[in-house]
């Protein structure tokens, strides 16, 4: 009989995020290189794989968010991590486009199981206010494993590009199994179910979230922000690797291959993210929504500048600076956006609201990625990346509008 011994929720969350960071650094740094070099996908096929992934997010975020809200957030997190690992393993079984697409389906469904449930679980276990600090702490703690994973992946990629992906996939499967033994769930309070009205009950959190979005202006602005971000970043994530490999002339230094350069660059991004997150943690009050919106505006402005530089310059140094700036600021902004969503989501439907954000992001990627992939195939990758960045500039007026609305609401309700 297997004995289960739960650890403190914060400890489990930090362990989970640390291993996640290590495994994702192994997989995601080299997965697109595997798709590009080994499988030989075109830019359009690359974004098509991304569309399949995001379609799974779009279709399954709300149903899996409901499972997390109604039954068990612990179960949802564990199942999602296991499916993620299985998805990554599938695409390494055969270097063909069909295997890549099947992998995106499995990984996409797995992602929806833990995307909202992970944050909702820790918020339930330790409280929303403490969770804000833990989100940033987890981001920082995750940076070192990410650096190690990226550099280890660079070494493994010298042998075979698929090795980092395989190792990362195995780690996800082991993590899911380990969480079965150590992950507690004491703070979760599922809604009371009327067994005779199960169907109506299943829709209750979703309908409540839709009503909240309709009457709460900040929430619908967050969802619109998710669409805009998805329109841009879905194409960027799929196209920056071939742009680095084929348009930016990565220097040959000793035995360092172009694929290994991806690991070095992502290691630099991780260090920049660590420093930036520490600056935010020490100097800004993230419990203040006004501060959050101002921070996001600054970070997104820097991302836009860096992305334009990366897309439009052919010079190695400038392109690398633009890439590292864009990705570092993006990593810093991600937990801040999650905190902002949490601040506006009620406890009982928090996982569903977070899932709605990811669904809006997926919707943007489904629309934007094929168009950017088509431009990258028939015209050029720099043009596709620049167009995506142009779309991303729409986040700034939206955040400014959200901040103004928040300021007016605070003036009207000073207490």
Protein backbone atom coordinates (compact mmCIF):
# COMPACT_ATOMS: atom_id res chain seq x y z
CA UNK A 1 0.00 0.00 0.00
CA UNK A 2 1.38 3.42 -1.01
CA UNK A 3 1.49 5.86 1.91
CA UNK A 4 0.54 9.48 1.26
CA UNK A 5 2.22 12.21 3.31
CA UNK A 6 1.13 15.74 2.43
CA UNK A 7 3.57 18.63 2.71
CA UNK A 8 2.81 22.29 3.45
CA UNK A 9 0.96 23.88 0.50
CA UNK A 10 3.57 26.60 -0.08
CA UNK A 11 6.36 24.01 -0.09
CA UNK A 12 4.49 21.83 -2.57
CA UNK A 13 3.74 24.80 -4.82
CA UNK A 14 7.35 25.96 -4.88
CA UNK A 15 8.60 22.42 -5.56
CA UNK A 16 6.04 22.02 -8.32
CA UNK A 17 6.96 25.33 -9.93
CA UNK A 18 10.68 24.61 -9.65
CA UNK A 19 10.43 21.22 -11.36
CA UNK A 20 8.01 22.69 -13.90
CA UNK A 21 10.53 25.42 -14.73
CA UNK A 22 13.34 22.89 -15.12
CA UNK A 23 11.27 20.54 -17.30
CA UNK A 24 9.78 23.31 -19.43
CA UNK A 25 13.24 24.81 -19.97
CA UNK A 26 14.40 21.45 -21.30
CA UNK A 27 11.37 20.99 -23.55
CA UNK A 28 10.29 24.40 -24.81
CA UNK A 29 13.78 25.73 -25.53
CA UNK A 30 14.43 22.88 -27.95
CA UNK A 31 10.98 21.65 -28.98
CA UNK A 32 10.65 24.17 -31.82
CA UNK A 33 14.22 23.44 -32.92
CA UNK A 34 13.20 19.77 -33.05
CA UNK A 35 10.17 20.73 -35.14
CA UNK A 36 12.25 22.95 -37.43
CA UNK A 37 15.45 20.94 -37.90
CA UNK A 38 14.46 17.30 -37.34
CA UNK A 39 10.82 17.19 -38.45
CA UNK A 40 11.40 19.90 -41.06
CA UNK A 41 8.22 21.92 -40.56
CA UNK A 42 7.60 25.07 -42.59
CA UNK A 43 6.64 28.36 -40.83
CA UNK A 44 3.00 27.69 -41.69
CA UNK A 45 3.17 24.14 -40.29
CA UNK A 46 4.82 25.49 -37.15
CA UNK A 47 1.97 27.88 -36.48
CA UNK A 48 -0.59 25.24 -37.49
CA UNK A 49 0.76 23.05 -34.70
CA UNK A 50 0.37 26.04 -32.41
CA UNK A 51 -3.21 26.53 -33.58
CA UNK A 52 -3.99 22.90 -32.72
CA UNK A 53 -2.50 23.43 -29.27
CA UNK A 54 -4.46 26.62 -28.66
CA UNK A 55 -7.65 25.08 -30.06
CA UNK A 56 -7.44 22.53 -27.27
CA UNK A 57 -7.06 25.38 -24.80
CA UNK A 58 -10.04 27.19 -26.30
CA UNK A 59 -12.25 24.10 -26.23
CA UNK A 60 -11.24 22.62 -22.87
CA UNK A 61 -10.34 25.57 -20.59
CA UNK A 62 -13.89 26.12 -19.35
CA UNK A 63 -14.83 22.41 -18.92
CA UNK A 64 -11.60 21.65 -17.07
CA UNK A 65 -11.95 24.84 -15.03
CA UNK A 66 -15.39 23.64 -13.99
CA UNK A 67 -13.93 20.29 -12.92
CA UNK A 68 -11.39 22.15 -10.78
CA UNK A 69 -14.05 24.38 -9.22
CA UNK A 70 -16.62 21.64 -8.62
CA UNK A 71 -14.65 18.51 -7.75
CA UNK A 72 -10.94 18.91 -6.97
CA UNK A 73 -8.25 21.38 -7.90
CA UNK A 74 -5.60 18.93 -6.70
CA UNK A 75 -6.89 16.24 -9.08
CA UNK A 76 -7.01 18.75 -11.94
CA UNK A 77 -3.40 19.87 -11.39
CA UNK A 78 -2.01 16.33 -11.19
CA UNK A 79 -3.90 15.07 -14.24
CA UNK A 80 -2.81 18.10 -16.25
CA UNK A 81 0.86 17.60 -15.46
CA UNK A 82 0.70 13.90 -16.36
CA UNK A 83 -0.99 14.65 -19.70
CA UNK A 84 1.59 17.33 -20.45
CA UNK A 85 4.43 14.85 -20.00
CA UNK A 86 2.69 12.26 -22.17
CA UNK A 87 2.16 14.84 -24.90
CA UNK A 88 5.83 15.73 -25.08
CA UNK A 89 6.80 12.05 -25.20
CA UNK A 90 4.45 11.38 -28.11
CA UNK A 91 6.11 13.86 -30.46
CA UNK A 92 9.53 12.27 -29.99
CA UNK A 93 8.31 8.80 -30.99
CA UNK A 94 8.47 9.64 -34.70
CA UNK A 95 9.75 12.80 -36.46
CA UNK A 96 6.57 13.32 -38.50
CA UNK A 97 4.02 16.14 -38.60
CA UNK A 98 1.17 13.85 -37.47
CA UNK A 99 3.00 12.98 -34.23
CA UNK A 100 3.59 16.66 -33.57
CA UNK A 101 -0.12 17.41 -34.00
CA UNK A 102 -1.18 14.55 -31.70
CA UNK A 103 1.30 15.77 -29.10
CA UNK A 104 -0.18 19.28 -29.23
CA UNK A 105 -3.65 17.84 -28.61
CA UNK A 106 -2.57 15.88 -25.52
CA UNK A 107 -0.39 18.69 -24.16
CA UNK A 108 -3.10 21.27 -24.84
CA UNK A 109 -5.73 19.33 -22.91
CA UNK A 110 -3.24 18.75 -20.09
CA UNK A 111 -2.44 22.46 -19.90
CA UNK A 112 -6.10 23.35 -19.44
CA UNK A 113 -6.36 21.03 -16.45
CA UNK A 114 -3.70 22.85 -14.45
CA UNK A 115 -3.60 26.37 -15.94
CA UNK A 116 -6.34 27.81 -13.74
CA UNK A 117 -6.40 25.11 -11.06
CA UNK A 118 -2.77 25.61 -10.02
CA UNK A 119 -3.22 29.26 -9.02
CA UNK A 120 -6.68 28.64 -7.58
CA UNK A 121 -5.38 25.71 -5.49
CA UNK A 122 -2.62 27.66 -3.75
CA UNK A 123 -4.92 30.67 -3.26
CA UNK A 124 -7.42 28.40 -1.49
CA UNK A 125 -4.78 26.75 0.67
CA UNK A 126 -2.97 29.87 1.94
CA UNK A 127 -5.29 32.80 1.10
CA UNK A 128 -5.33 35.25 -1.80
CA UNK A 129 -3.14 37.90 -0.15
CA UNK A 130 -0.34 35.46 0.73
CA UNK A 131 -0.66 33.87 -2.70
CA UNK A 132 0.37 37.15 -4.38
CA UNK A 133 3.74 36.98 -2.64
CA UNK A 134 4.12 33.25 -3.35
CA UNK A 135 3.46 33.80 -7.09
CA UNK A 136 6.43 36.15 -7.33
CA UNK A 137 8.54 33.97 -5.03
CA UNK A 138 7.81 30.93 -7.19
CA UNK A 139 8.78 32.86 -10.32
CA UNK A 140 12.11 33.73 -8.73
CA UNK A 141 12.76 30.24 -7.39
CA UNK A 142 11.91 28.81 -10.79
CA UNK A 143 14.61 30.86 -12.52
CA UNK A 144 17.59 28.83 -11.27
CA UNK A 145 16.15 25.43 -12.32
CA UNK A 146 15.25 27.05 -15.65
CA UNK A 147 18.84 28.18 -16.16
CA UNK A 148 20.17 24.72 -15.27
CA UNK A 149 17.59 23.05 -17.50
CA UNK A 150 18.39 25.33 -20.41
CA UNK A 151 22.13 24.76 -20.16
CA UNK A 152 21.70 21.01 -19.65
CA UNK A 153 19.47 20.98 -22.71
CA UNK A 154 22.17 22.77 -24.69
CA UNK A 155 24.63 20.02 -23.80
CA UNK A 156 22.13 17.25 -24.60
CA UNK A 157 21.18 18.89 -27.91
CA UNK A 158 24.79 18.52 -29.03
CA UNK A 159 24.12 14.76 -29.00
CA UNK A 160 20.51 14.81 -30.21
CA UNK A 161 17.94 17.61 -30.41
CA UNK A 162 15.26 15.24 -29.13
CA UNK A 163 17.10 14.35 -25.89
CA UNK A 164 16.08 17.51 -23.94
CA UNK A 165 12.44 17.01 -24.94
CA UNK A 166 12.45 13.36 -23.82
CA UNK A 167 14.06 14.14 -20.47
CA UNK A 168 11.65 17.02 -19.79
CA UNK A 169 8.67 14.80 -20.63
CA UNK A 170 9.82 12.12 -18.19
CA UNK A 171 10.22 14.73 -15.46
CA UNK A 172 6.61 15.88 -15.93
CA UNK A 173 5.36 12.31 -15.56
CA UNK A 174 7.46 11.81 -12.41
CA UNK A 175 6.25 15.13 -10.99
CA UNK A 176 2.62 14.14 -11.49
CA UNK A 177 3.23 10.86 -9.71
CA UNK A 178 5.04 12.59 -6.86
CA UNK A 179 2.24 15.12 -6.34
CA UNK A 180 -0.16 12.23 -5.79
CA UNK A 181 1.82 11.52 -2.61
CA UNK A 182 2.60 14.99 -1.20
CA UNK A 183 -0.04 17.46 -2.44
CA UNK A 184 -2.70 18.46 0.15
CA UNK A 185 -6.16 19.92 -0.44
CA UNK A 186 -7.65 21.33 2.74
CA UNK A 187 -8.80 24.79 1.64
CA UNK A 188 -11.00 23.77 -1.28
CA UNK A 189 -14.76 24.03 -0.69
CA UNK A 190 -16.77 22.70 -3.63
CA UNK A 191 -20.23 24.09 -4.15
CA UNK A 192 -23.08 21.94 -2.82
CA UNK A 193 -24.45 19.80 -5.64
CA UNK A 194 -28.05 19.00 -6.29
CA UNK A 195 -27.79 15.47 -7.67
CA UNK A 196 -31.08 15.85 -9.50
CA UNK A 197 -29.91 18.96 -11.31
CA UNK A 198 -26.33 18.02 -12.17
CA UNK A 199 -26.38 19.62 -15.59
CA UNK A 200 -27.53 22.98 -14.24
CA UNK A 201 -25.00 22.70 -11.43
CA UNK A 202 -22.13 22.11 -13.84
CA UNK A 203 -23.00 25.36 -15.60
CA UNK A 204 -23.41 27.37 -12.41
CA UNK A 205 -19.77 28.56 -12.01
CA UNK A 206 -19.52 29.31 -15.73
CA UNK A 207 -22.75 31.33 -15.75
CA UNK A 208 -21.65 33.14 -12.60
CA UNK A 209 -18.32 34.00 -14.26
CA UNK A 210 -20.08 35.27 -17.39
CA UNK A 211 -22.30 37.49 -15.23
CA UNK A 212 -19.23 38.80 -13.39
CA UNK A 213 -17.52 39.68 -16.67
CA UNK A 214 -20.64 41.51 -17.85
CA UNK A 215 -20.92 43.70 -14.75
CA UNK A 216 -17.23 44.02 -13.85
CA UNK A 217 -15.40 46.21 -16.42
CA UNK A 218 -11.92 45.16 -15.32
CA UNK A 219 -12.67 41.49 -16.04
CA UNK A 220 -13.81 42.02 -19.60
CA UNK A 221 -10.80 44.25 -20.20
CA UNK A 222 -8.58 41.43 -18.95
CA UNK A 223 -10.24 39.02 -21.38
CA UNK A 224 -9.81 41.49 -24.25
CA UNK A 225 -6.17 41.87 -23.23
CA UNK A 226 -5.82 38.09 -23.44
CA UNK A 227 -7.12 38.12 -27.03
CA UNK A 228 -4.66 40.85 -28.07
CA UNK A 229 -1.72 39.10 -26.43
CA UNK A 230 -2.70 35.85 -28.12
CA UNK A 231 -2.92 37.52 -31.55
CA UNK A 232 0.74 38.50 -31.28
CA UNK A 233 2.55 36.02 -29.09
CA UNK A 234 1.17 32.84 -30.65
CA UNK A 235 2.98 33.64 -33.89
CA UNK A 236 6.06 34.97 -32.10
CA UNK A 237 6.50 31.79 -30.06
CA UNK A 238 6.38 29.61 -33.17
CA UNK A 239 8.45 31.81 -35.48
CA UNK A 240 11.30 33.18 -33.38
CA UNK A 241 13.25 29.90 -33.52
CA UNK A 242 13.43 29.67 -37.35
CA UNK A 243 14.13 33.42 -37.43
CA UNK A 244 17.12 32.91 -35.13
CA UNK A 245 18.34 29.84 -37.00
CA UNK A 246 17.94 31.12 -40.56
CA UNK A 247 17.84 34.96 -40.54
CA UNK A 248 19.99 35.98 -37.57
CA UNK A 249 23.47 34.72 -38.27
CA UNK A 250 24.38 32.92 -35.06
CA UNK A 251 28.17 32.79 -34.80
CA UNK A 252 30.01 29.49 -34.83
CA UNK A 253 32.21 29.39 -31.73
CA UNK A 254 34.07 26.12 -31.22
CA UNK A 255 31.63 23.23 -31.11
CA UNK A 256 28.60 25.35 -30.19
CA UNK A 257 25.87 24.57 -32.71
CA UNK A 258 23.09 27.04 -33.67
CA UNK A 259 20.63 24.94 -31.66
CA UNK A 260 22.87 25.16 -28.59
CA UNK A 261 22.75 28.97 -28.99
CA UNK A 262 19.04 28.75 -28.22
CA UNK A 263 19.91 27.38 -24.81
CA UNK A 264 22.49 30.08 -24.16
CA UNK A 265 20.06 32.85 -25.13
CA UNK A 266 17.26 31.43 -23.01
CA UNK A 267 19.70 31.15 -20.10
CA UNK A 268 20.41 34.88 -20.48
CA UNK A 269 16.66 35.54 -20.59
CA UNK A 270 16.17 33.59 -17.38
CA UNK A 271 18.86 35.60 -15.57
CA UNK A 272 17.28 38.84 -16.77
CA UNK A 273 13.87 37.64 -15.63
CA UNK A 274 15.24 36.75 -12.18
CA UNK A 275 16.77 40.19 -11.70
CA UNK A 276 13.69 42.00 -12.96
CA UNK A 277 11.29 39.98 -10.80
CA UNK A 278 13.40 40.73 -7.72
CA UNK A 279 13.28 44.45 -8.51
CA UNK A 280 9.50 44.29 -8.78
CA UNK A 281 9.15 42.29 -5.58
CA UNK A 282 11.30 44.68 -3.56
CA UNK A 283 10.01 47.98 -4.88
CA UNK A 284 6.34 47.68 -5.87
CA UNK A 285 3.16 46.93 -3.94
CA UNK A 286 1.57 44.26 -6.08
CA UNK A 287 -1.60 44.19 -3.98
CA UNK A 288 -2.49 47.62 -5.43
CA UNK A 289 -4.30 47.20 -8.75
CA UNK A 290 -3.30 50.69 -9.88
CA UNK A 291 0.35 49.77 -9.43
CA UNK A 292 -0.21 46.51 -11.28
CA UNK A 293 -1.66 48.24 -14.32
CA UNK A 294 1.14 50.81 -14.42
CA UNK A 295 3.76 48.08 -14.15
CA UNK A 296 2.18 46.10 -16.97
CA UNK A 297 2.14 49.19 -19.19
CA UNK A 298 5.86 49.75 -18.65
CA UNK A 299 6.75 46.09 -19.19
CA UNK A 300 4.63 45.78 -22.33
CA UNK A 301 6.17 48.97 -23.76
CA UNK A 302 9.63 47.48 -23.32
CA UNK A 303 8.49 44.20 -24.90
CA UNK A 304 7.20 46.06 -27.95
CA UNK A 305 10.48 47.92 -28.44
CA UNK A 306 12.54 44.76 -28.01
CA UNK A 307 10.32 42.77 -30.37
CA UNK A 308 10.55 45.35 -33.14
CA UNK A 309 14.35 45.39 -32.82
CA UNK A 310 14.48 41.59 -32.91
CA UNK A 311 12.23 41.37 -35.97
CA UNK A 312 13.69 44.11 -38.13
CA UNK A 313 17.44 44.03 -37.58
CA UNK A 314 19.74 41.49 -39.16
CA UNK A 315 22.63 42.36 -36.87
CA UNK A 316 23.44 39.59 -34.40
CA UNK A 317 24.07 41.83 -31.36
CA UNK A 318 20.97 44.00 -31.81
CA UNK A 319 18.74 41.02 -32.57
CA UNK A 320 19.94 39.19 -29.46
CA UNK A 321 19.46 42.27 -27.26
CA UNK A 322 15.93 42.70 -28.62
CA UNK A 323 15.11 39.03 -28.10
CA UNK A 324 16.43 38.89 -24.53
CA UNK A 325 14.68 42.14 -23.60
CA UNK A 326 11.35 40.96 -25.01
CA UNK A 327 11.41 37.55 -23.37
CA UNK A 328 12.73 38.77 -20.00
CA UNK A 329 10.03 41.44 -19.68
CA UNK A 330 7.43 38.91 -20.77
CA UNK A 331 8.50 36.51 -18.01
CA UNK A 332 8.36 39.32 -15.45
CA UNK A 333 4.89 40.41 -16.56
CA UNK A 334 3.32 36.93 -16.58
CA UNK A 335 2.93 36.48 -12.77
CA UNK A 336 1.83 40.11 -12.45
CA UNK A 337 -0.98 39.52 -14.93
CA UNK A 338 -1.95 36.37 -13.01
CA UNK A 339 -2.08 38.40 -9.78
CA UNK A 340 -4.28 40.99 -11.47
CA UNK A 341 -6.69 38.31 -12.66
CA UNK A 342 -6.78 36.80 -9.16
CA UNK A 343 -7.54 40.19 -7.62
CA UNK A 344 -10.69 40.45 -9.70
CA UNK A 345 -11.92 36.84 -9.45
CA UNK A 346 -14.16 35.64 -6.60
CA UNK A 347 -12.96 32.61 -4.65
CA UNK A 348 -15.61 30.08 -5.69
CA UNK A 349 -15.18 30.63 -9.42
CA UNK A 350 -11.53 31.69 -9.46
CA UNK A 351 -10.30 28.71 -11.52
CA UNK A 352 -13.06 29.28 -14.07
CA UNK A 353 -12.26 33.01 -14.41
CA UNK A 354 -8.55 32.25 -14.87
CA UNK A 355 -9.49 29.61 -17.44
CA UNK A 356 -11.61 32.21 -19.25
CA UNK A 357 -8.51 34.41 -19.54
CA UNK A 358 -6.50 31.55 -21.05
CA UNK A 359 -9.39 30.78 -23.36
CA UNK A 360 -9.40 34.37 -24.61
CA UNK A 361 -5.63 34.14 -25.12
CA UNK A 362 -6.09 30.91 -27.07
CA UNK A 363 -8.81 32.52 -29.20
CA UNK A 364 -6.38 35.28 -30.15
CA UNK A 365 -3.71 32.74 -31.07
CA UNK A 366 -6.14 30.69 -33.18
CA UNK A 367 -7.00 33.81 -35.18
CA UNK A 368 -3.58 35.43 -35.40
CA UNK A 369 -1.09 32.58 -35.69
CA UNK A 370 -2.19 31.21 -39.11
CA UNK A 371 -2.07 34.70 -40.60
CA UNK A 372 1.42 35.35 -39.25
CA UNK A 373 2.55 31.88 -40.36
CA UNK A 374 1.21 32.52 -43.86
CA UNK A 375 3.06 35.87 -44.01
CA UNK A 376 6.22 34.16 -42.76
CA UNK A 377 5.92 31.50 -45.48
CA UNK A 378 5.00 33.61 -48.53
CA UNK A 379 6.87 36.83 -47.58
CA UNK A 380 9.38 36.75 -44.73
CA UNK A 381 9.72 35.90 -41.05
CA UNK A 382 10.83 39.46 -40.11
CA UNK A 383 7.67 40.90 -41.65
CA UNK A 384 5.46 38.38 -39.83
CA UNK A 385 7.15 39.14 -36.49
CA UNK A 386 6.86 42.89 -37.06
CA UNK A 387 3.14 42.65 -37.88
CA UNK A 388 2.55 40.66 -34.69
CA UNK A 389 4.40 43.28 -32.67
CA UNK A 390 2.29 46.02 -34.25
CA UNK A 391 -0.84 44.24 -33.03
CA UNK A 392 0.66 44.00 -29.54
CA UNK A 393 0.79 47.80 -29.24
CA UNK A 394 -3.00 47.68 -28.71
CA UNK A 395 -2.35 46.43 -25.16
CA UNK A 396 -1.15 49.89 -24.11
CA UNK A 397 -4.32 51.92 -24.76
CA UNK A 398 -6.37 49.08 -23.26
CA UNK A 399 -4.34 49.14 -20.04
CA UNK A 400 -4.54 52.93 -19.95
CA UNK A 401 -8.32 52.72 -20.31
CA UNK A 402 -8.51 50.08 -17.57
CA UNK A 403 -6.42 52.24 -15.25
CA UNK A 404 -8.62 55.29 -15.87
CA UNK A 405 -11.75 53.24 -15.20
CA UNK A 406 -10.23 51.94 -11.98
CA UNK A 407 -9.29 55.46 -10.85
CA UNK A 408 -12.83 56.72 -11.47
CA UNK A 409 -14.29 53.76 -9.58
CA UNK A 410 -12.00 54.45 -6.63
CA UNK A 411 -12.99 58.13 -6.58
CA UNK A 412 -16.67 57.21 -6.61
CA UNK A 413 -16.21 54.56 -3.89
CA UNK A 414 -13.46 55.84 -1.57
CA UNK A 415 -14.32 53.24 1.09
